[in-house]
């Protein structure tokens, strides 16, 4: 690029040796990455409720891979837990919902402590969550990744190339759909399967009359899936129960039959897609 007599040449890209696939992350039947193109779409709440729903039938682990904003323990009511280790490795925290959890939140002195780490340290933490934690031959390990397509997502994709794929969580606004396409492009470039897309906050369900108001529009994710040939897994409206019980550390699928049915429909589609991919 030039302007007047000034010529600016972009620096060459750095030479980076990508990490080798992990030889220690073994025995897990299915590994699923939960991603979003932007923050604020309810990805962690989705990951927690997805994990709890799967745990009704399977042995499930949840990796809170958002190193800077680890919220999953709070949403599961176990934020005060401390980790222990034995000859098998680091033992993930247990929940009464059957999900085993690992999170940076368990290692911080208090909820207000900021994690100010560069990419190399975040990479190392994710690697330890995968390799040094005793996952006990889990059927599913869900990775709740931070927003965007940065270090954590890249680390997981390189260490676990055998991951089953990505679930993308978005909200219906056009800006969220734009960012979702970046997550899809990320998956394409790294040759990771997109299991499907979920439209979260798809309308507000009034707790009094039961009517739905489309605050952020509705249907954008399903239309995008049709255009790109990606499975549409379902939509989850804004339920007051999700917000209220999440703050109390209770997954909404444990409280609301309607929400439980929505997540059971999504997990059934995920199981079906993974089963077909094996054949």
Protein backbone atom coordinates (compact mmCIF):
# COMPACT_ATOMS: atom_id res chain seq x y z
CA UNK A 1 0.00 0.00 0.00
CA UNK A 2 1.32 3.47 -0.84
CA UNK A 3 0.31 7.06 -0.17
CA UNK A 4 2.24 9.90 -1.80
CA UNK A 5 5.92 9.07 -1.51
CA UNK A 6 5.39 6.77 1.45
CA UNK A 7 5.32 3.07 0.72
CA UNK A 8 4.15 0.63 3.35
CA UNK A 9 4.74 -3.08 2.86
CA UNK A 10 2.94 -5.47 5.21
CA UNK A 11 5.32 -7.69 7.18
CA UNK A 12 5.58 -11.31 6.08
CA UNK A 13 3.49 -13.75 8.10
CA UNK A 14 5.42 -15.32 10.98
CA UNK A 15 6.64 -18.87 10.56
CA UNK A 16 4.73 -20.91 13.12
CA UNK A 17 5.16 -24.61 13.70
CA UNK A 18 1.67 -25.93 14.46
CA UNK A 19 1.34 -28.27 17.44
CA UNK A 20 1.15 -31.96 16.71
CA UNK A 21 -2.07 -33.85 17.36
CA UNK A 22 -2.28 -34.96 20.96
CA UNK A 23 -1.28 -38.54 21.69
CA UNK A 24 -2.55 -38.26 25.29
CA UNK A 25 -6.16 -37.22 24.69
CA UNK A 26 -7.48 -40.73 24.25
CA UNK A 27 -10.54 -42.81 25.06
CA UNK A 28 -13.18 -40.12 24.48
CA UNK A 29 -15.78 -41.34 22.01
CA UNK A 30 -17.08 -37.97 20.75
CA UNK A 31 -15.56 -34.50 21.01
CA UNK A 32 -17.74 -31.54 20.06
CA UNK A 33 -16.66 -27.89 19.84
CA UNK A 34 -19.28 -25.24 20.59
CA UNK A 35 -18.41 -21.96 18.87
CA UNK A 36 -19.90 -18.57 18.12
CA UNK A 37 -18.75 -15.86 15.77
CA UNK A 38 -19.36 -13.18 18.42
CA UNK A 39 -19.95 -12.85 22.13
CA UNK A 40 -23.27 -12.46 23.91
CA UNK A 41 -25.18 -15.17 22.05
CA UNK A 42 -25.65 -17.50 25.03
CA UNK A 43 -23.02 -20.04 23.98
CA UNK A 44 -22.01 -21.04 27.52
CA UNK A 45 -25.63 -21.44 28.61
CA UNK A 46 -26.21 -23.58 25.53
CA UNK A 47 -23.10 -25.69 26.22
CA UNK A 48 -24.14 -26.32 29.82
CA UNK A 49 -27.71 -27.32 28.94
CA UNK A 50 -26.51 -29.46 26.02
CA UNK A 51 -24.10 -31.28 28.35
CA UNK A 52 -26.73 -31.85 31.02
CA UNK A 53 -29.18 -33.17 28.43
CA UNK A 54 -26.61 -35.59 26.99
CA UNK A 55 -25.69 -36.72 30.52
CA UNK A 56 -29.18 -38.23 30.91
CA UNK A 57 -27.99 -41.04 28.63
CA UNK A 58 -24.22 -40.76 28.35
CA UNK A 59 -21.00 -40.17 30.28
CA UNK A 60 -20.25 -36.47 29.60
CA UNK A 61 -17.36 -34.09 30.22
CA UNK A 62 -17.45 -30.32 29.75
CA UNK A 63 -14.32 -28.24 29.10
CA UNK A 64 -14.80 -24.55 29.81
CA UNK A 65 -12.23 -23.42 27.24
CA UNK A 66 -12.90 -19.71 27.71
CA UNK A 67 -9.78 -18.97 29.73
CA UNK A 68 -10.54 -15.26 30.23
CA UNK A 69 -14.25 -15.61 30.95
CA UNK A 70 -14.92 -19.00 32.56
CA UNK A 71 -18.65 -19.07 33.39
CA UNK A 72 -19.66 -22.72 33.18
CA UNK A 73 -19.06 -23.57 36.87
CA UNK A 74 -21.35 -20.70 37.92
CA UNK A 75 -24.07 -21.90 35.56
CA UNK A 76 -23.79 -25.38 37.08
CA UNK A 77 -23.67 -24.24 40.71
CA UNK A 78 -20.13 -25.54 41.37
CA UNK A 79 -18.06 -22.35 41.25
CA UNK A 80 -16.63 -23.00 44.74
CA UNK A 81 -15.23 -26.43 43.85
CA UNK A 82 -11.48 -27.07 43.95
CA UNK A 83 -9.65 -29.54 41.76
CA UNK A 84 -7.67 -32.51 43.01
CA UNK A 85 -5.27 -34.85 41.27
CA UNK A 86 -4.21 -38.46 41.71
CA UNK A 87 -2.25 -41.05 39.75
CA UNK A 88 -4.89 -40.91 36.98
CA UNK A 89 -4.48 -37.15 36.47
CA UNK A 90 -6.51 -34.07 37.30
CA UNK A 91 -9.98 -35.09 38.45
CA UNK A 92 -12.68 -32.85 36.93
CA UNK A 93 -15.29 -31.38 39.24
CA UNK A 94 -18.50 -33.35 39.54
CA UNK A 95 -22.02 -31.99 39.29
CA UNK A 96 -25.26 -33.50 40.47
CA UNK A 97 -26.38 -33.48 36.85
CA UNK A 98 -23.85 -36.11 35.82
CA UNK A 99 -21.45 -33.76 33.98
CA UNK A 100 -17.72 -33.65 34.79
CA UNK A 101 -16.27 -30.14 34.41
CA UNK A 102 -12.85 -28.56 34.04
CA UNK A 103 -12.49 -24.76 34.06
CA UNK A 104 -9.99 -22.03 34.79
CA UNK A 105 -12.55 -20.76 37.32
CA UNK A 106 -11.57 -23.56 39.71
CA UNK A 107 -7.98 -22.29 39.78
CA UNK A 108 -8.59 -18.60 40.49
CA UNK A 109 -8.54 -17.14 44.02
CA UNK A 110 -11.93 -15.46 43.52
CA UNK A 111 -14.57 -14.68 40.89
CA UNK A 112 -13.17 -11.21 40.21
CA UNK A 113 -9.63 -12.26 39.32
CA UNK A 114 -8.69 -11.44 35.72
CA UNK A 115 -6.65 -13.90 33.65
CA UNK A 116 -4.14 -11.74 31.74
CA UNK A 117 -2.38 -14.29 29.57
CA UNK A 118 -0.88 -14.24 26.12
CA UNK A 119 -1.76 -16.89 23.56
CA UNK A 120 1.01 -19.33 24.49
CA UNK A 121 -0.23 -19.65 28.07
CA UNK A 122 -3.84 -20.08 26.95
CA UNK A 123 -2.70 -22.77 24.54
CA UNK A 124 -0.91 -24.60 27.37
CA UNK A 125 -3.96 -24.43 29.62
CA UNK A 126 -6.22 -25.90 26.93
CA UNK A 127 -3.67 -28.62 26.28
CA UNK A 128 -3.68 -29.54 29.97
CA UNK A 129 -7.48 -29.59 30.05
CA UNK A 130 -7.40 -32.11 27.22
CA UNK A 131 -4.39 -34.23 28.15
CA UNK A 132 -3.93 -34.08 31.91
CA UNK A 133 -7.57 -34.43 32.99
CA UNK A 134 -8.95 -37.90 33.65
CA UNK A 135 -11.96 -38.10 31.32
CA UNK A 136 -12.66 -41.73 32.19
CA UNK A 137 -13.53 -42.83 28.63
CA UNK A 138 -16.33 -40.28 28.33
CA UNK A 139 -18.93 -40.74 25.60
CA UNK A 140 -18.98 -36.99 24.94
CA UNK A 141 -16.63 -34.14 25.79
CA UNK A 142 -18.09 -30.72 24.98
CA UNK A 143 -15.66 -27.82 24.55
CA UNK A 144 -17.24 -24.45 25.29
CA UNK A 145 -14.93 -22.16 23.32
CA UNK A 146 -14.62 -18.37 23.69
CA UNK A 147 -16.21 -16.20 20.98
CA UNK A 148 -14.47 -15.88 17.65
CA UNK A 149 -11.83 -17.92 15.86
CA UNK A 150 -8.77 -17.19 17.97
CA UNK A 151 -6.13 -19.08 19.92
CA UNK A 152 -8.33 -21.47 21.88
CA UNK A 153 -10.32 -22.68 18.88
CA UNK A 154 -7.13 -23.09 16.83
CA UNK A 155 -5.42 -24.99 19.65
CA UNK A 156 -8.26 -27.50 19.99
CA UNK A 157 -8.56 -28.02 16.24
CA UNK A 158 -4.85 -28.80 16.01
CA UNK A 159 -4.56 -30.98 19.11
CA UNK A 160 -7.78 -32.91 18.46
CA UNK A 161 -8.11 -33.32 14.68
CA UNK A 162 -10.34 -36.32 15.37
CA UNK A 163 -13.01 -34.06 16.91
CA UNK A 164 -16.46 -34.86 15.53
CA UNK A 165 -17.13 -31.25 14.61
CA UNK A 166 -18.48 -27.86 15.56
CA UNK A 167 -21.87 -26.63 16.71
CA UNK A 168 -22.28 -22.93 15.96
CA UNK A 169 -24.55 -20.89 18.25
CA UNK A 170 -25.91 -17.61 16.91
CA UNK A 171 -28.70 -15.11 17.47
CA UNK A 172 -31.00 -14.03 14.64
CA UNK A 173 -29.61 -10.53 13.92
CA UNK A 174 -27.82 -9.90 10.64
CA UNK A 175 -24.56 -9.01 12.43
CA UNK A 176 -24.61 -12.37 14.23
CA UNK A 177 -25.24 -14.18 10.96
CA UNK A 178 -22.26 -12.39 9.43
CA UNK A 179 -20.01 -13.50 12.28
CA UNK A 180 -21.38 -17.04 12.06
CA UNK A 181 -20.11 -17.25 8.50
CA UNK A 182 -16.62 -16.55 9.84
CA UNK A 183 -16.91 -19.54 12.17
CA UNK A 184 -18.04 -21.64 9.20
CA UNK A 185 -15.05 -20.40 7.19
CA UNK A 186 -12.78 -21.30 10.13
CA UNK A 187 -14.15 -24.84 10.09
CA UNK A 188 -13.76 -25.12 6.33
CA UNK A 189 -10.13 -23.97 6.31
CA UNK A 190 -9.21 -26.37 9.11
CA UNK A 191 -11.26 -29.21 7.60
CA UNK A 192 -13.54 -29.56 10.62
CA UNK A 193 -17.11 -30.76 10.12
CA UNK A 194 -19.89 -28.34 11.00
CA UNK A 195 -22.37 -30.54 12.85
CA UNK A 196 -25.00 -27.83 12.70
CA UNK A 197 -26.21 -24.44 13.79
CA UNK A 198 -28.50 -23.38 16.64
CA UNK A 199 -30.46 -20.13 16.67
CA UNK A 200 -30.52 -18.93 20.28
CA UNK A 201 -32.68 -16.10 21.68
CA UNK A 202 -35.10 -16.78 18.84
CA UNK A 203 -38.05 -14.79 20.14
CA UNK A 204 -39.19 -14.02 23.68
CA UNK A 205 -41.77 -16.32 25.25
CA UNK A 206 -44.07 -14.34 27.55
CA UNK A 207 -44.39 -16.20 30.87
CA UNK A 208 -47.95 -14.88 31.30
CA UNK A 209 -49.69 -15.42 27.98
CA UNK A 210 -47.26 -17.80 26.27
CA UNK A 211 -47.05 -15.67 23.11
CA UNK A 212 -43.68 -15.24 21.36
CA UNK A 213 -42.28 -11.84 20.37
CA UNK A 214 -39.38 -11.83 17.90
CA UNK A 215 -37.15 -9.24 19.56
CA UNK A 216 -34.07 -10.12 17.47
CA UNK A 217 -35.95 -11.40 14.40
CA UNK A 218 -36.28 -15.13 13.80
CA UNK A 219 -35.40 -17.68 11.16
CA UNK A 220 -32.12 -16.19 9.96
CA UNK A 221 -30.04 -19.17 11.05
CA UNK A 222 -32.31 -21.68 9.35
CA UNK A 223 -32.20 -19.70 6.11
CA UNK A 224 -28.39 -19.47 6.29
CA UNK A 225 -28.18 -23.22 6.86
CA UNK A 226 -30.30 -23.86 3.78
CA UNK A 227 -28.06 -21.64 1.66
CA UNK A 228 -24.85 -23.27 2.86
CA UNK A 229 -26.08 -26.86 3.13
CA UNK A 230 -25.51 -27.03 6.91
CA UNK A 231 -27.86 -28.91 9.27
CA UNK A 232 -30.14 -26.65 11.28
CA UNK A 233 -30.37 -28.13 14.75
CA UNK A 234 -33.11 -25.95 16.20
CA UNK A 235 -34.04 -22.66 17.76
CA UNK A 236 -34.25 -21.73 21.43
CA UNK A 237 -36.45 -18.78 22.42
CA UNK A 238 -35.64 -16.42 25.28
CA UNK A 239 -37.19 -18.10 28.30
CA UNK A 240 -37.13 -16.21 31.62
CA UNK A 241 -36.34 -19.56 33.29
CA UNK A 242 -33.03 -19.81 31.43
CA UNK A 243 -31.79 -16.48 32.84
CA UNK A 244 -33.21 -16.84 36.34
CA UNK A 245 -32.02 -20.38 36.96
CA UNK A 246 -28.67 -19.87 35.25
CA UNK A 247 -27.85 -17.21 37.83
CA UNK A 248 -28.79 -19.73 40.53
CA UNK A 249 -26.56 -22.44 39.06
CA UNK A 250 -29.46 -24.57 37.85
CA UNK A 251 -29.56 -25.62 34.17
CA UNK A 252 -32.88 -24.62 32.65
CA UNK A 253 -33.45 -28.13 31.26
CA UNK A 254 -33.84 -29.27 34.88
CA UNK A 255 -36.67 -26.80 35.50
CA UNK A 256 -38.70 -26.34 32.33
CA UNK A 257 -40.24 -29.22 30.38
CA UNK A 258 -40.50 -27.00 27.30
CA UNK A 259 -36.80 -26.10 27.37
CA UNK A 260 -35.88 -29.72 28.08
CA UNK A 261 -37.85 -30.82 25.01
CA UNK A 262 -36.04 -28.24 22.86
CA UNK A 263 -32.64 -29.51 23.96
CA UNK A 264 -33.66 -33.15 23.63
CA UNK A 265 -34.66 -32.44 20.03
CA UNK A 266 -31.26 -30.83 19.39
CA UNK A 267 -29.29 -33.66 21.00
CA UNK A 268 -31.29 -36.24 19.04
CA UNK A 269 -30.30 -34.51 15.80
CA UNK A 270 -26.66 -34.35 16.91
CA UNK A 271 -26.65 -38.07 17.73
CA UNK A 272 -28.21 -38.86 14.36
CA UNK A 273 -25.67 -36.74 12.47
CA UNK A 274 -22.74 -38.35 14.29
CA UNK A 275 -24.13 -41.82 13.70
CA UNK A 276 -24.47 -41.15 9.97
CA UNK A 277 -20.93 -39.78 9.77
CA UNK A 278 -19.59 -43.11 11.03
CA UNK A 279 -21.22 -45.06 8.20
